[in-house]
Amino acid sequence: MRDLRGLRRAVIGVLLGTAVLTGCSEKQEASETLPSSTAAETSEALPELGPADFPVPDEARTKDAEGAEAFLRYWIDLLNRQQAIPDGQPLRDLSTSDCYECLRIAKAFDDASASGWRYEGGELSLNDLAEPQVNGNEASLVFGARVEALTVRDSSGAPVPGGTGEIAPNAGSGVTLVWSERRQHWSVAGMTIG
């Protein structure tokens, strides 16, 4: 009797398994109520930020250590770019009103442009970047910066008095960034080069 119950259970198990598998293999019509493409979108594209031909990259617009580092790298590239133009407005756009060094550099670029001066050299590059420290809406980054020799020239090509600087192979530097939830980006709140 005991063997008969075991056999009965096995047969029932096989029949149930066959019914389930058969049901899965039958052809079924596709649902006509598919989700719309807007329902599948999880986030909106970030609005453009920075100069139109040199926007802040998306990877520099995340509120984490990687985003802070990417923003710093972009900022250094932006400094070099704006020095070559020269134009200080994009620096103002991406810094807080408390970043006095940012405002000083932006004003120097604007003054150079108004005077017809141009920069030769002086480009920055990053060395020895430490792990960014992110605490809430603030990030601190410590790094070394290579500063190339600089000569500022007037409209005739002559060096401007006091407009030179020596090469600094690894100037101790740092930057403090603050995060804007509303605009979804970092801004420079403080900066020291050398």
C-alpha atoms as a PDB file:
ATOM      1  CA  MET A   1       0.000   0.000   0.000  1.00  0.00           C
ATOM      2  CA  ARG A   2       2.851   2.296   0.882  1.00  0.00           C
ATOM      3  CA  ASP A   3       4.452   1.787  -2.554  1.00  0.00           C
ATOM      4  CA  LEU A   4       1.139   2.558  -4.222  1.00  0.00           C
ATOM      5  CA  ARG A   5       0.904   5.935  -2.450  1.00  0.00           C
ATOM      6  CA  GLY A   6       4.461   6.813  -3.488  1.00  0.00           C
ATOM      7  CA  LEU A   7       3.704   5.809  -7.064  1.00  0.00           C
ATOM      8  CA  ARG A   8       0.501   7.854  -7.019  1.00  0.00           C
ATOM      9  CA  ARG A   9       2.408  10.928  -5.769  1.00  0.00           C
ATOM     10  CA  ALA A  10       5.058  10.497  -8.445  1.00  0.00           C
ATOM     11  CA  VAL A  11       2.427  10.210 -11.188  1.00  0.00           C
ATOM     12  CA  ILE A  12       0.596  13.293  -9.875  1.00  0.00           C
ATOM     13  CA  GLY A  13       3.925  15.184  -9.751  1.00  0.00           C
ATOM     14  CA  VAL A  14       4.714  14.195 -13.359  1.00  0.00           C
ATOM     15  CA  LEU A  15       1.238  15.201 -14.536  1.00  0.00           C
ATOM     16  CA  LEU A  16       1.439  18.574 -12.777  1.00  0.00           C
ATOM     17  CA  GLY A  17       4.930  19.178 -14.140  1.00  0.00           C
ATOM     18  CA  THR A  18       3.758  18.285 -17.661  1.00  0.00           C
ATOM     19  CA  ALA A  19       0.761  20.611 -17.366  1.00  0.00           C
ATOM     20  CA  VAL A  20       2.933  23.475 -16.210  1.00  0.00           C
ATOM     21  CA  LEU A  21       5.546  22.928 -18.925  1.00  0.00           C
ATOM     22  CA  THR A  22       2.913  22.520 -21.620  1.00  0.00           C
ATOM     23  CA  GLY A  23       1.226  25.724 -20.554  1.00  0.00           C
ATOM     24  CA  CYS A  24       4.561  27.574 -20.836  1.00  0.00           C
ATOM     25  CA  SER A  25       5.275  26.284 -24.305  1.00  0.00           C
ATOM     26  CA  GLU A  26       1.932  27.157 -25.835  1.00  0.00           C
ATOM     27  CA  LYS A  27       1.904  30.092 -28.217  1.00  0.00           C
ATOM     28  CA  GLN A  28       0.413  33.222 -26.642  1.00  0.00           C
ATOM     29  CA  GLU A  29      -0.461  36.577 -28.117  1.00  0.00           C
ATOM     30  CA  ALA A  30       1.638  39.558 -27.065  1.00  0.00           C
ATOM     31  CA  SER A  31       0.059  42.072 -24.745  1.00  0.00           C
ATOM     32  CA  GLU A  32      -1.303  45.120 -26.497  1.00  0.00           C
ATOM     33  CA  THR A  33      -0.869  47.296 -23.413  1.00  0.00           C
ATOM     34  CA  LEU A  34       2.870  47.911 -23.499  1.00  0.00           C
ATOM     35  CA  PRO A  35       4.295  50.684 -21.323  1.00  0.00           C
ATOM     36  CA  SER A  36       4.891  53.994 -23.058  1.00  0.00           C
ATOM     37  CA  SER A  37       8.444  55.131 -23.741  1.00  0.00           C
ATOM     38  CA  THR A  38       8.057  57.927 -21.194  1.00  0.00           C
ATOM     39  CA  ALA A  39       7.231  55.405 -18.484  1.00  0.00           C
ATOM     40  CA  ALA A  40      10.527  53.612 -19.214  1.00  0.00           C
ATOM     41  CA  GLU A  41      12.600  56.770 -18.824  1.00  0.00           C
ATOM     42  CA  THR A  42      14.133  56.933 -15.368  1.00  0.00           C
ATOM     43  CA  SER A  43      15.866  60.302 -15.460  1.00  0.00           C
ATOM     44  CA  GLU A  44      15.811  63.455 -17.484  1.00  0.00           C
ATOM     45  CA  ALA A  45      18.849  64.695 -19.373  1.00  0.00           C
ATOM     46  CA  LEU A  46      20.879  67.233 -17.467  1.00  0.00           C
ATOM     47  CA  PRO A  47      20.626  70.798 -18.769  1.00  0.00           C
ATOM     48  CA  GLU A  48      23.748  72.133 -20.486  1.00  0.00           C
ATOM     49  CA  LEU A  49      26.246  73.778 -18.171  1.00  0.00           C
ATOM     50  CA  GLY A  50      29.455  75.594 -19.052  1.00  0.00           C
ATOM     51  CA  PRO A  51      30.420  77.116 -22.400  1.00  0.00           C
ATOM     52  CA  ALA A  52      28.296  75.805 -25.289  1.00  0.00           C
ATOM     53  CA  ASP A  53      31.350  74.394 -27.055  1.00  0.00           C
ATOM     54  CA  PHE A  54      32.918  73.076 -23.818  1.00  0.00           C
ATOM     55  CA  PRO A  55      30.094  71.839 -21.553  1.00  0.00           C
ATOM     56  CA  VAL A  56      30.552  70.194 -18.169  1.00  0.00           C
ATOM     57  CA  PRO A  57      30.514  66.432 -18.861  1.00  0.00           C
ATOM     58  CA  ASP A  58      27.794  64.307 -17.251  1.00  0.00           C
ATOM     59  CA  GLU A  59      30.368  62.293 -15.254  1.00  0.00           C
ATOM     60  CA  ALA A  60      31.350  65.560 -13.505  1.00  0.00           C
ATOM     61  CA  ARG A  61      27.741  66.087 -12.412  1.00  0.00           C
ATOM     62  CA  THR A  62      27.330  63.303  -9.886  1.00  0.00           C
ATOM     63  CA  LYS A  63      27.297  63.890  -6.145  1.00  0.00           C
ATOM     64  CA  ASP A  64      30.086  61.490  -5.230  1.00  0.00           C
ATOM     65  CA  ALA A  65      33.890  61.301  -5.111  1.00  0.00           C
ATOM     66  CA  GLU A  66      34.137  60.318  -8.780  1.00  0.00           C
ATOM     67  CA  GLY A  67      31.941  63.243  -9.825  1.00  0.00           C
ATOM     68  CA  ALA A  68      33.983  65.670  -7.699  1.00  0.00           C
ATOM     69  CA  GLU A  69      37.230  64.443  -9.260  1.00  0.00           C
ATOM     70  CA  ALA A  70      35.778  64.646 -12.776  1.00  0.00           C
ATOM     71  CA  PHE A  71      34.590  68.193 -12.037  1.00  0.00           C
ATOM     72  CA  LEU A  72      38.073  69.198 -10.816  1.00  0.00           C
ATOM     73  CA  ARG A  73      39.632  67.791 -14.002  1.00  0.00           C
ATOM     74  CA  TYR A  74      37.080  69.709 -16.078  1.00  0.00           C
ATOM     75  CA  TRP A  75      37.727  72.899 -14.043  1.00  0.00           C
ATOM     76  CA  ILE A  76      41.493  72.694 -14.693  1.00  0.00           C
ATOM     77  CA  ASP A  77      40.826  72.206 -18.416  1.00  0.00           C
ATOM     78  CA  LEU A  78      38.379  75.139 -18.312  1.00  0.00           C
ATOM     79  CA  LEU A  79      40.985  77.383 -16.631  1.00  0.00           C
ATOM     80  CA  ASN A  80      43.478  76.553 -19.382  1.00  0.00           C
ATOM     81  CA  ARG A  81      40.856  77.096 -22.092  1.00  0.00           C
ATOM     82  CA  GLN A  82      39.633  80.425 -20.727  1.00  0.00           C
ATOM     83  CA  GLN A  83      43.181  81.689 -20.248  1.00  0.00           C
ATOM     84  CA  ALA A  84      43.819  81.119 -23.951  1.00  0.00           C
ATOM     85  CA  ILE A  85      40.702  83.109 -24.963  1.00  0.00           C
ATOM     86  CA  PRO A  86      40.865  85.082 -22.350  1.00  0.00           C
ATOM     87  CA  ASP A  87      37.382  85.252 -20.798  1.00  0.00           C
ATOM     88  CA  GLY A  88      36.449  84.971 -17.125  1.00  0.00           C
ATOM     89  CA  GLN A  89      32.661  84.541 -17.301  1.00  0.00           C
ATOM     90  CA  PRO A  90      32.585  80.718 -17.467  1.00  0.00           C
ATOM     91  CA  LEU A  91      34.701  80.644 -14.294  1.00  0.00           C
ATOM     92  CA  ARG A  92      32.178  82.878 -12.517  1.00  0.00           C
ATOM     93  CA  ASP A  93      29.339  80.674 -13.748  1.00  0.00           C
ATOM     94  CA  LEU A  94      30.880  77.585 -12.113  1.00  0.00           C
ATOM     95  CA  SER A  95      32.075  79.098  -8.845  1.00  0.00           C
ATOM     96  CA  THR A  96      30.400  80.587  -5.813  1.00  0.00           C
ATOM     97  CA  SER A  97      30.544  84.282  -4.977  1.00  0.00           C
ATOM     98  CA  ASP A  98      32.744  83.307  -2.000  1.00  0.00           C
ATOM     99  CA  CYS A  99      35.548  81.894  -4.183  1.00  0.00           C
ATOM    100  CA  TYR A 100      37.822  84.920  -4.153  1.00  0.00           C
ATOM    101  CA  GLU A 101      40.608  83.184  -6.092  1.00  0.00           C
ATOM    102  CA  CYS A 102      38.098  82.187  -8.804  1.00  0.00           C
ATOM    103  CA  LEU A 103      36.859  85.773  -9.043  1.00  0.00           C
ATOM    104  CA  ARG A 104      40.433  87.123  -9.084  1.00  0.00           C
ATOM    105  CA  ILE A 105      41.401  84.821 -11.977  1.00  0.00           C
ATOM    106  CA  ALA A 106      38.174  85.612 -13.873  1.00  0.00           C
ATOM    107  CA  LYS A 107      38.827  89.356 -13.480  1.00  0.00           C
ATOM    108  CA  ALA A 108      42.438  88.923 -14.641  1.00  0.00           C
ATOM    109  CA  PHE A 109      41.195  87.145 -17.784  1.00  0.00           C
ATOM    110  CA  ASP A 110      38.617  89.879 -18.437  1.00  0.00           C
ATOM    111  CA  ASP A 111      41.187  92.639 -17.851  1.00  0.00           C
ATOM    112  CA  ALA A 112      43.634  90.931 -20.216  1.00  0.00           C
ATOM    113  CA  SER A 113      40.946  90.693 -22.874  1.00  0.00           C
ATOM    114  CA  ALA A 114      39.984  94.375 -22.465  1.00  0.00           C
ATOM    115  CA  SER A 115      43.660  95.396 -22.741  1.00  0.00           C
ATOM    116  CA  GLY A 116      44.365  93.194 -25.760  1.00  0.00           C
ATOM    117  CA  TRP A 117      46.829  91.068 -23.780  1.00  0.00           C
ATOM    118  CA  ARG A 118      47.434  87.370 -24.273  1.00  0.00           C
ATOM    119  CA  TYR A 119      48.874  84.625 -22.123  1.00  0.00           C
ATOM    120  CA  GLU A 120      51.777  82.434 -23.216  1.00  0.00           C
ATOM    121  CA  GLY A 121      52.197  79.322 -21.110  1.00  0.00           C
ATOM    122  CA  GLY A 122      50.904  79.153 -17.573  1.00  0.00           C
ATOM    123  CA  GLU A 123      48.825  76.029 -18.222  1.00  0.00           C
ATOM    124  CA  LEU A 124      47.946  73.827 -15.269  1.00  0.00           C
ATOM    125  CA  SER A 125      47.965  70.044 -15.047  1.00  0.00           C
ATOM    126  CA  LEU A 126      47.136  67.763 -12.130  1.00  0.00           C
ATOM    127  CA  ASN A 127      49.702  65.722 -10.203  1.00  0.00           C
ATOM    128  CA  ASP A 128      49.296  63.542  -7.137  1.00  0.00           C
ATOM    129  CA  LEU A 129      45.525  63.826  -6.684  1.00  0.00           C
ATOM    130  CA  ALA A 130      44.432  62.413  -3.316  1.00  0.00           C
ATOM    131  CA  GLU A 131      41.103  60.630  -2.865  1.00  0.00           C
ATOM    132  CA  PRO A 132      38.348  63.293  -2.829  1.00  0.00           C
ATOM    133  CA  GLN A 133      36.664  63.717   0.550  1.00  0.00           C
ATOM    134  CA  VAL A 134      32.910  64.173   0.193  1.00  0.00           C
ATOM    135  CA  ASN A 135      30.857  65.189   3.221  1.00  0.00           C
ATOM    136  CA  GLY A 136      27.225  66.023   2.486  1.00  0.00           C
ATOM    137  CA  ASN A 137      27.115  68.814  -0.096  1.00  0.00           C
ATOM    138  CA  GLU A 138      30.847  69.590   0.100  1.00  0.00           C
ATOM    139  CA  ALA A 139      33.901  67.939  -1.426  1.00  0.00           C
ATOM    140  CA  SER A 140      37.551  68.684  -0.653  1.00  0.00           C
ATOM    141  CA  LEU A 141      40.297  67.729  -3.065  1.00  0.00           C
ATOM    142  CA  VAL A 142      44.017  68.018  -2.411  1.00  0.00           C
ATOM    143  CA  PHE A 143      46.457  67.738  -5.296  1.00  0.00           C
ATOM    144  CA  GLY A 144      49.706  68.867  -6.769  1.00  0.00           C
ATOM    145  CA  ALA A 145      49.542  71.094  -9.828  1.00  0.00           C
ATOM    146  CA  ARG A 146      52.186  71.563 -12.453  1.00  0.00           C
ATOM    147  CA  VAL A 147      52.154  75.211 -13.504  1.00  0.00           C
ATOM    148  CA  GLU A 148      54.013  75.994 -16.711  1.00  0.00           C
ATOM    149  CA  ALA A 149      56.135  79.131 -17.049  1.00  0.00           C
ATOM    150  CA  LEU A 150      54.003  82.158 -17.936  1.00  0.00           C
ATOM    151  CA  THR A 151      54.491  85.336 -19.922  1.00  0.00           C
ATOM    152  CA  VAL A 152      51.700  87.859 -20.432  1.00  0.00           C
ATOM    153  CA  ARG A 153      52.171  89.877 -23.621  1.00  0.00           C
ATOM    154  CA  ASP A 154      50.576  93.168 -24.623  1.00  0.00           C
ATOM    155  CA  SER A 155      48.944  93.827 -27.988  1.00  0.00           C
ATOM    156  CA  SER A 156      52.341  94.564 -29.568  1.00  0.00           C
ATOM    157  CA  GLY A 157      53.785  91.264 -28.289  1.00  0.00           C
ATOM    158  CA  ALA A 158      55.988  92.854 -25.618  1.00  0.00           C
ATOM    159  CA  PRO A 159      56.016  91.261 -22.147  1.00  0.00           C
ATOM    160  CA  VAL A 160      53.760  93.035 -19.649  1.00  0.00           C
ATOM    161  CA  PRO A 161      55.701  94.192 -16.555  1.00  0.00           C
ATOM    162  CA  GLY A 162      55.016  91.771 -13.697  1.00  0.00           C
ATOM    163  CA  GLY A 163      53.302  89.379 -16.119  1.00  0.00           C
ATOM    164  CA  THR A 164      55.702  86.464 -15.819  1.00  0.00           C
ATOM    165  CA  GLY A 165      55.820  83.359 -13.690  1.00  0.00           C
ATOM    166  CA  GLU A 166      58.284  80.545 -13.239  1.00  0.00           C
ATOM    167  CA  ILE A 167      57.511  76.886 -13.749  1.00  0.00           C
ATOM    168  CA  ALA A 168      56.221  75.090 -10.651  1.00  0.00           C
ATOM    169  CA  PRO A 169      56.538  71.324 -11.155  1.00  0.00           C
ATOM    170  CA  ASN A 170      54.279  70.256  -8.268  1.00  0.00           C
ATOM    171  CA  ALA A 171      52.649  73.172  -6.456  1.00  0.00           C
ATOM    172  CA  GLY A 172      50.648  72.061  -3.405  1.00  0.00           C
ATOM    173  CA  SER A 173      47.024  72.870  -4.248  1.00  0.00           C
ATOM    174  CA  GLY A 174      43.464  72.269  -3.164  1.00  0.00           C
ATOM    175  CA  VAL A 175      39.884  72.984  -4.045  1.00  0.00           C
ATOM    176  CA  THR A 176      36.595  72.953  -2.144  1.00  0.00           C
ATOM    177  CA  LEU A 177      33.465  72.167  -4.127  1.00  0.00           C
ATOM    178  CA  VAL A 178      29.829  72.610  -3.126  1.00  0.00           C
ATOM    179  CA  TRP A 179      26.919  70.670  -4.618  1.00  0.00           C
ATOM    180  CA  SER A 180      23.759  72.312  -5.922  1.00  0.00           C
ATOM    181  CA  GLU A 181      20.779  69.947  -5.713  1.00  0.00           C
ATOM    182  CA  ARG A 182      18.647  72.328  -7.762  1.00  0.00           C
ATOM    183  CA  ARG A 183      21.092  72.572 -10.679  1.00  0.00           C
ATOM    184  CA  GLN A 184      22.705  69.140 -10.228  1.00  0.00           C
ATOM    185  CA  HIS A 185      26.338  70.239 -10.383  1.00  0.00           C
ATOM    186  CA  TRP A 186      29.425  71.102  -8.383  1.00  0.00           C
ATOM    187  CA  SER A 187      30.683  74.695  -8.008  1.00  0.00           C
ATOM    188  CA  VAL A 188      34.094  75.841  -6.829  1.00  0.00           C
ATOM    189  CA  ALA A 189      33.789  77.465  -3.403  1.00  0.00           C
ATOM    190  CA  GLY A 190      37.506  77.838  -2.705  1.00  0.00           C
ATOM    191  CA  MET A 191      40.734  77.199  -4.531  1.00  0.00           C
ATOM    192  CA  THR A 192      44.467  77.429  -3.909  1.00  0.00           C
ATOM    193  CA  ILE A 193      47.120  76.755  -6.535  1.00  0.00           C
ATOM    194  CA  GLY A 194      50.622  76.680  -5.077  1.00  0.00           C
END
